[in-house]
Amino acid sequence: MARPVGTGTDAGASRERPRVVGVVLAVLVVAAAGFLAGGGFGTGTADAVRGLVVALAVGLLAAGATVGVWRVNRRHAARLGISTSRYLRVARSVRRGEAPDDPVERAAAADLVSRMRRGPGSVSHRWAPRLLIGGGVLWGAAGVVFIADGAYGWALYAFAMMGLVLVQLVSLRRRERCLEAAARGLGI
């Protein structure tokens, strides 16, 4: 007996489930990290209640941010007349510097390129590199202060944050090159 052929929406829904599971797992990992950070840092003694409070706060913030970003993307996708998963796929291709061939996806990609160019994380935003450098310097200074104070856990955290900020700074140029490659592919 032949298997029924699924529609495009069935395939899209089956690809969407692993993404949702991934987001849920990411929120749980962030909450676990919040628990460990809240329970172990600070006074030098482990405190499970503080760890649970920090884990709950971090989990709620991560879940709220995920829902907020999903709603914004869903609204933009609906405005352009495509599904949210297709819109996110186009956004990933634009971030890689690729221009889609489908006319509907090209319209979404052109909208994404124009919004990414205006965004605060763009190199064209004149304060982005300065703010990232300033943030890296402040996190590094905080790490030095924590080392002087003997709070080595907090110093490790501050230096890790400094590293993340500086990686963001280094990736600005690469993202800008990919964005310009996508814009050239779209002819804008």
C-alpha atoms as a PDB file:
ATOM      1  CA  MET A   1       0.000   0.000   0.000  1.00  0.00           C
ATOM      2  CA  ALA A   2       1.373   3.408  -0.951  1.00  0.00           C
ATOM      3  CA  ARG A   3       1.985   5.992   1.715  1.00  0.00           C
ATOM      4  CA  PRO A   4      -0.020   9.200   1.385  1.00  0.00           C
ATOM      5  CA  VAL A   5       2.010  12.132   0.210  1.00  0.00           C
ATOM      6  CA  GLY A   6       2.184  14.882   2.824  1.00  0.00           C
ATOM      7  CA  THR A   7       1.606  18.518   2.077  1.00  0.00           C
ATOM      8  CA  GLY A   8       4.191  21.217   2.463  1.00  0.00           C
ATOM      9  CA  THR A   9       2.617  22.305   5.731  1.00  0.00           C
ATOM     10  CA  ASP A  10       3.015  18.785   7.172  1.00  0.00           C
ATOM     11  CA  ALA A  11       6.719  18.862   6.367  1.00  0.00           C
ATOM     12  CA  GLY A  12       7.049  22.346   7.853  1.00  0.00           C
ATOM     13  CA  ALA A  13       5.275  21.287  11.036  1.00  0.00           C
ATOM     14  CA  SER A  14       7.506  18.223  11.420  1.00  0.00           C
ATOM     15  CA  ARG A  15      10.618  20.404  11.087  1.00  0.00           C
ATOM     16  CA  GLU A  16       9.224  22.910  13.576  1.00  0.00           C
ATOM     17  CA  ARG A  17       8.846  20.412  16.440  1.00  0.00           C
ATOM     18  CA  PRO A  18      12.588  19.809  16.924  1.00  0.00           C
ATOM     19  CA  ARG A  19      13.150  23.564  16.974  1.00  0.00           C
ATOM     20  CA  VAL A  20      10.550  24.032  19.701  1.00  0.00           C
ATOM     21  CA  VAL A  21      12.068  21.174  21.690  1.00  0.00           C
ATOM     22  CA  GLY A  22      15.481  22.802  21.249  1.00  0.00           C
ATOM     23  CA  VAL A  23      14.177  26.114  22.562  1.00  0.00           C
ATOM     24  CA  VAL A  24      12.590  24.421  25.580  1.00  0.00           C
ATOM     25  CA  LEU A  25      15.827  22.547  26.304  1.00  0.00           C
ATOM     26  CA  ALA A  26      17.811  25.784  25.967  1.00  0.00           C
ATOM     27  CA  VAL A  27      15.525  27.473  28.505  1.00  0.00           C
ATOM     28  CA  LEU A  28      15.992  24.524  30.886  1.00  0.00           C
ATOM     29  CA  VAL A  29      19.786  24.648  30.497  1.00  0.00           C
ATOM     30  CA  VAL A  30      19.763  28.394  31.172  1.00  0.00           C
ATOM     31  CA  ALA A  31      17.597  27.804  34.249  1.00  0.00           C
ATOM     32  CA  ALA A  32      19.978  25.090  35.484  1.00  0.00           C
ATOM     33  CA  ALA A  33      22.930  27.422  34.946  1.00  0.00           C
ATOM     34  CA  GLY A  34      21.025  30.114  36.861  1.00  0.00           C
ATOM     35  CA  PHE A  35      20.455  27.658  39.695  1.00  0.00           C
ATOM     36  CA  LEU A  36      24.139  26.776  39.861  1.00  0.00           C
ATOM     37  CA  ALA A  37      25.185  30.426  39.659  1.00  0.00           C
ATOM     38  CA  GLY A  38      22.664  31.576  42.231  1.00  0.00           C
ATOM     39  CA  GLY A  39      23.360  28.711  44.586  1.00  0.00           C
ATOM     40  CA  GLY A  40      27.134  28.861  44.464  1.00  0.00           C
ATOM     41  CA  PHE A  41      28.214  32.466  44.028  1.00  0.00           C
ATOM     42  CA  GLY A  42      28.106  35.304  46.479  1.00  0.00           C
ATOM     43  CA  THR A  43      28.535  34.398  50.103  1.00  0.00           C
ATOM     44  CA  GLY A  44      30.858  31.443  49.556  1.00  0.00           C
ATOM     45  CA  THR A  45      28.264  28.913  50.752  1.00  0.00           C
ATOM     46  CA  ALA A  46      25.803  27.018  48.633  1.00  0.00           C
ATOM     47  CA  ASP A  47      22.217  28.200  49.057  1.00  0.00           C
ATOM     48  CA  ALA A  48      19.558  26.133  47.287  1.00  0.00           C
ATOM     49  CA  VAL A  49      16.760  28.658  47.848  1.00  0.00           C
ATOM     50  CA  ARG A  50      18.745  31.475  46.256  1.00  0.00           C
ATOM     51  CA  GLY A  51      19.662  29.112  43.428  1.00  0.00           C
ATOM     52  CA  LEU A  52      15.985  28.302  42.819  1.00  0.00           C
ATOM     53  CA  VAL A  53      15.044  31.986  42.830  1.00  0.00           C
ATOM     54  CA  VAL A  54      17.783  32.839  40.344  1.00  0.00           C
ATOM     55  CA  ALA A  55      16.871  29.812  38.186  1.00  0.00           C
ATOM     56  CA  LEU A  56      13.217  30.834  38.183  1.00  0.00           C
ATOM     57  CA  ALA A  57      14.069  34.434  37.300  1.00  0.00           C
ATOM     58  CA  VAL A  58      16.460  33.409  34.521  1.00  0.00           C
ATOM     59  CA  GLY A  59      14.002  30.840  33.183  1.00  0.00           C
ATOM     60  CA  LEU A  60      11.156  33.353  33.139  1.00  0.00           C
ATOM     61  CA  LEU A  61      13.310  35.972  31.429  1.00  0.00           C
ATOM     62  CA  ALA A  62      14.499  33.480  28.802  1.00  0.00           C
ATOM     63  CA  ALA A  63      10.972  32.186  28.177  1.00  0.00           C
ATOM     64  CA  GLY A  64       9.581  35.728  27.978  1.00  0.00           C
ATOM     65  CA  ALA A  65      12.281  36.803  25.530  1.00  0.00           C
ATOM     66  CA  THR A  66      11.648  33.718  23.392  1.00  0.00           C
ATOM     67  CA  VAL A  67       7.908  34.376  23.266  1.00  0.00           C
ATOM     68  CA  GLY A  68       8.486  38.063  22.496  1.00  0.00           C
ATOM     69  CA  VAL A  69      10.872  37.343  19.637  1.00  0.00           C
ATOM     70  CA  TRP A  70       8.542  34.670  18.266  1.00  0.00           C
ATOM     71  CA  ARG A  71       5.611  37.103  18.252  1.00  0.00           C
ATOM     72  CA  VAL A  72       7.605  39.805  16.468  1.00  0.00           C
ATOM     73  CA  ASN A  73       8.771  37.325  13.842  1.00  0.00           C
ATOM     74  CA  ARG A  74       5.241  35.949  13.437  1.00  0.00           C
ATOM     75  CA  ARG A  75       3.897  39.482  12.934  1.00  0.00           C
ATOM     76  CA  HIS A  76       6.510  40.296  10.284  1.00  0.00           C
ATOM     77  CA  ALA A  77       5.886  36.970   8.538  1.00  0.00           C
ATOM     78  CA  ALA A  78       2.129  37.555   8.484  1.00  0.00           C
ATOM     79  CA  ARG A  79       2.653  41.036   7.056  1.00  0.00           C
ATOM     80  CA  LEU A  80       4.695  39.525   4.226  1.00  0.00           C
ATOM     81  CA  GLY A  81       2.250  36.649   3.693  1.00  0.00           C
ATOM     82  CA  ILE A  82       4.517  33.725   4.592  1.00  0.00           C
ATOM     83  CA  SER A  83       4.723  31.284   7.476  1.00  0.00           C
ATOM     84  CA  THR A  84       6.881  32.064  10.483  1.00  0.00           C
ATOM     85  CA  SER A  85       9.138  29.061   9.916  1.00  0.00           C
ATOM     86  CA  ARG A  86       9.685  30.114   6.300  1.00  0.00           C
ATOM     87  CA  TYR A  87      10.408  33.668   7.441  1.00  0.00           C
ATOM     88  CA  LEU A  88      12.993  32.395   9.927  1.00  0.00           C
ATOM     89  CA  ARG A  89      14.572  30.237   7.206  1.00  0.00           C
ATOM     90  CA  VAL A  90      14.877  33.335   4.996  1.00  0.00           C
ATOM     91  CA  ALA A  91      16.414  35.247   7.930  1.00  0.00           C
ATOM     92  CA  ARG A  92      19.028  32.510   8.388  1.00  0.00           C
ATOM     93  CA  SER A  93      19.891  32.626   4.694  1.00  0.00           C
ATOM     94  CA  VAL A  94      20.232  36.436   4.818  1.00  0.00           C
ATOM     95  CA  ARG A  95      22.545  36.137   7.839  1.00  0.00           C
ATOM     96  CA  ARG A  96      24.689  33.706   5.808  1.00  0.00           C
ATOM     97  CA  GLY A  97      24.804  36.165   2.896  1.00  0.00           C
ATOM     98  CA  GLU A  98      22.509  34.225   0.575  1.00  0.00           C
ATOM     99  CA  ALA A  99      19.632  35.630  -1.450  1.00  0.00           C
ATOM    100  CA  PRO A 100      16.603  33.359  -2.010  1.00  0.00           C
ATOM    101  CA  ASP A 101      15.232  32.649  -5.493  1.00  0.00           C
ATOM    102  CA  ASP A 102      11.514  32.562  -4.650  1.00  0.00           C
ATOM    103  CA  PRO A 103       9.854  35.986  -5.246  1.00  0.00           C
ATOM    104  CA  VAL A 104       7.926  35.874  -1.959  1.00  0.00           C
ATOM    105  CA  GLU A 105      11.069  34.969  -0.057  1.00  0.00           C
ATOM    106  CA  ARG A 106      12.996  37.701  -1.910  1.00  0.00           C
ATOM    107  CA  ALA A 107      10.491  40.278  -0.636  1.00  0.00           C
ATOM    108  CA  ALA A 108      10.935  38.940   2.899  1.00  0.00           C
ATOM    109  CA  ALA A 109      14.728  38.995   2.476  1.00  0.00           C
ATOM    110  CA  ALA A 110      14.659  42.609   1.240  1.00  0.00           C
ATOM    111  CA  ASP A 111      12.580  43.573   4.278  1.00  0.00           C
ATOM    112  CA  LEU A 112      14.991  41.732   6.573  1.00  0.00           C
ATOM    113  CA  VAL A 113      18.044  43.398   5.011  1.00  0.00           C
ATOM    114  CA  SER A 114      16.543  46.859   5.448  1.00  0.00           C
ATOM    115  CA  ARG A 115      15.584  46.139   9.073  1.00  0.00           C
ATOM    116  CA  MET A 116      18.998  44.633   9.859  1.00  0.00           C
ATOM    117  CA  ARG A 117      20.750  47.670   8.426  1.00  0.00           C
ATOM    118  CA  ARG A 118      18.766  49.964  10.741  1.00  0.00           C
ATOM    119  CA  GLY A 119      19.209  47.777  13.833  1.00  0.00           C
ATOM    120  CA  PRO A 120      21.423  48.715  16.752  1.00  0.00           C
ATOM    121  CA  GLY A 121      23.605  45.635  16.204  1.00  0.00           C
ATOM    122  CA  SER A 122      24.671  46.800  12.771  1.00  0.00           C
ATOM    123  CA  VAL A 123      28.102  48.206  11.994  1.00  0.00           C
ATOM    124  CA  SER A 124      26.329  51.066  10.251  1.00  0.00           C
ATOM    125  CA  HIS A 125      24.966  52.058  13.660  1.00  0.00           C
ATOM    126  CA  ARG A 126      27.799  54.321  14.728  1.00  0.00           C
ATOM    127  CA  TRP A 127      27.567  53.612  18.455  1.00  0.00           C
ATOM    128  CA  ALA A 128      27.533  49.804  18.277  1.00  0.00           C
ATOM    129  CA  PRO A 129      31.317  49.223  18.191  1.00  0.00           C
ATOM    130  CA  ARG A 130      31.933  51.900  20.816  1.00  0.00           C
ATOM    131  CA  LEU A 131      29.329  50.464  23.170  1.00  0.00           C
ATOM    132  CA  LEU A 132      30.716  46.956  22.759  1.00  0.00           C
ATOM    133  CA  ILE A 133      34.272  48.114  23.458  1.00  0.00           C
ATOM    134  CA  GLY A 134      33.064  50.057  26.501  1.00  0.00           C
ATOM    135  CA  GLY A 135      31.107  47.051  27.742  1.00  0.00           C
ATOM    136  CA  GLY A 136      34.143  44.808  27.349  1.00  0.00           C
ATOM    137  CA  VAL A 137      36.330  47.253  29.268  1.00  0.00           C
ATOM    138  CA  LEU A 138      33.764  47.516  32.082  1.00  0.00           C
ATOM    139  CA  TRP A 139      33.417  43.715  32.392  1.00  0.00           C
ATOM    140  CA  GLY A 140      37.224  43.390  32.425  1.00  0.00           C
ATOM    141  CA  ALA A 141      37.533  46.053  35.123  1.00  0.00           C
ATOM    142  CA  ALA A 142      34.862  44.283  37.174  1.00  0.00           C
ATOM    143  CA  GLY A 143      36.834  41.045  36.843  1.00  0.00           C
ATOM    144  CA  VAL A 144      39.981  42.725  38.129  1.00  0.00           C
ATOM    145  CA  VAL A 145      38.058  44.185  41.083  1.00  0.00           C
ATOM    146  CA  PHE A 146      36.600  40.754  41.887  1.00  0.00           C
ATOM    147  CA  ILE A 147      40.064  39.184  41.811  1.00  0.00           C
ATOM    148  CA  ALA A 148      41.359  41.883  44.159  1.00  0.00           C
ATOM    149  CA  ASP A 149      38.416  41.159  46.444  1.00  0.00           C
ATOM    150  CA  GLY A 150      39.029  37.399  46.360  1.00  0.00           C
ATOM    151  CA  ALA A 151      35.703  36.596  44.660  1.00  0.00           C
ATOM    152  CA  TYR A 152      37.163  34.301  42.018  1.00  0.00           C
ATOM    153  CA  GLY A 153      33.811  32.875  40.911  1.00  0.00           C
ATOM    154  CA  TRP A 154      32.483  36.332  40.137  1.00  0.00           C
ATOM    155  CA  ALA A 155      35.781  37.232  38.437  1.00  0.00           C
ATOM    156  CA  LEU A 156      35.425  34.204  36.170  1.00  0.00           C
ATOM    157  CA  TYR A 157      31.882  35.292  35.369  1.00  0.00           C
ATOM    158  CA  ALA A 158      32.997  38.868  34.588  1.00  0.00           C
ATOM    159  CA  PHE A 159      35.819  37.703  32.315  1.00  0.00           C
ATOM    160  CA  ALA A 160      33.444  35.304  30.533  1.00  0.00           C
ATOM    161  CA  MET A 161      31.031  38.187  29.921  1.00  0.00           C
ATOM    162  CA  MET A 162      33.925  40.340  28.681  1.00  0.00           C
ATOM    163  CA  GLY A 163      34.825  37.569  26.243  1.00  0.00           C
ATOM    164  CA  LEU A 164      31.245  37.320  24.982  1.00  0.00           C
ATOM    165  CA  VAL A 165      31.064  41.073  24.428  1.00  0.00           C
ATOM    166  CA  LEU A 166      34.362  41.099  22.545  1.00  0.00           C
ATOM    167  CA  VAL A 167      33.289  38.125  20.382  1.00  0.00           C
ATOM    168  CA  GLN A 168      30.187  40.145  19.519  1.00  0.00           C
ATOM    169  CA  LEU A 169      32.435  43.041  18.497  1.00  0.00           C
ATOM    170  CA  VAL A 170      34.575  40.825  16.274  1.00  0.00           C
ATOM    171  CA  SER A 171      31.516  39.287  14.638  1.00  0.00           C
ATOM    172  CA  LEU A 172      30.072  42.705  13.674  1.00  0.00           C
ATOM    173  CA  ARG A 173      32.247  42.983  10.552  1.00  0.00           C
ATOM    174  CA  ARG A 174      31.492  39.439   9.433  1.00  0.00           C
ATOM    175  CA  ARG A 175      27.753  39.976   9.845  1.00  0.00           C
ATOM    176  CA  GLU A 176      27.996  43.207   7.877  1.00  0.00           C
ATOM    177  CA  ARG A 177      29.813  41.440   5.015  1.00  0.00           C
ATOM    178  CA  CYS A 178      27.160  38.713   4.922  1.00  0.00           C
ATOM    179  CA  LEU A 179      24.390  41.303   4.976  1.00  0.00           C
ATOM    180  CA  GLU A 180      25.955  43.202   2.087  1.00  0.00           C
ATOM    181  CA  ALA A 181      26.382  39.957   0.110  1.00  0.00           C
ATOM    182  CA  ALA A 182      22.678  39.209   0.581  1.00  0.00           C
ATOM    183  CA  ALA A 183      21.802  42.789  -0.461  1.00  0.00           C
ATOM    184  CA  ARG A 184      23.915  42.452  -3.624  1.00  0.00           C
ATOM    185  CA  GLY A 185      22.202  39.139  -4.397  1.00  0.00           C
ATOM    186  CA  LEU A 186      18.827  40.854  -4.010  1.00  0.00           C
ATOM    187  CA  GLY A 187      19.911  43.830  -6.093  1.00  0.00           C
ATOM    188  CA  ILE A 188      19.305  46.430  -3.380  1.00  0.00           C
END
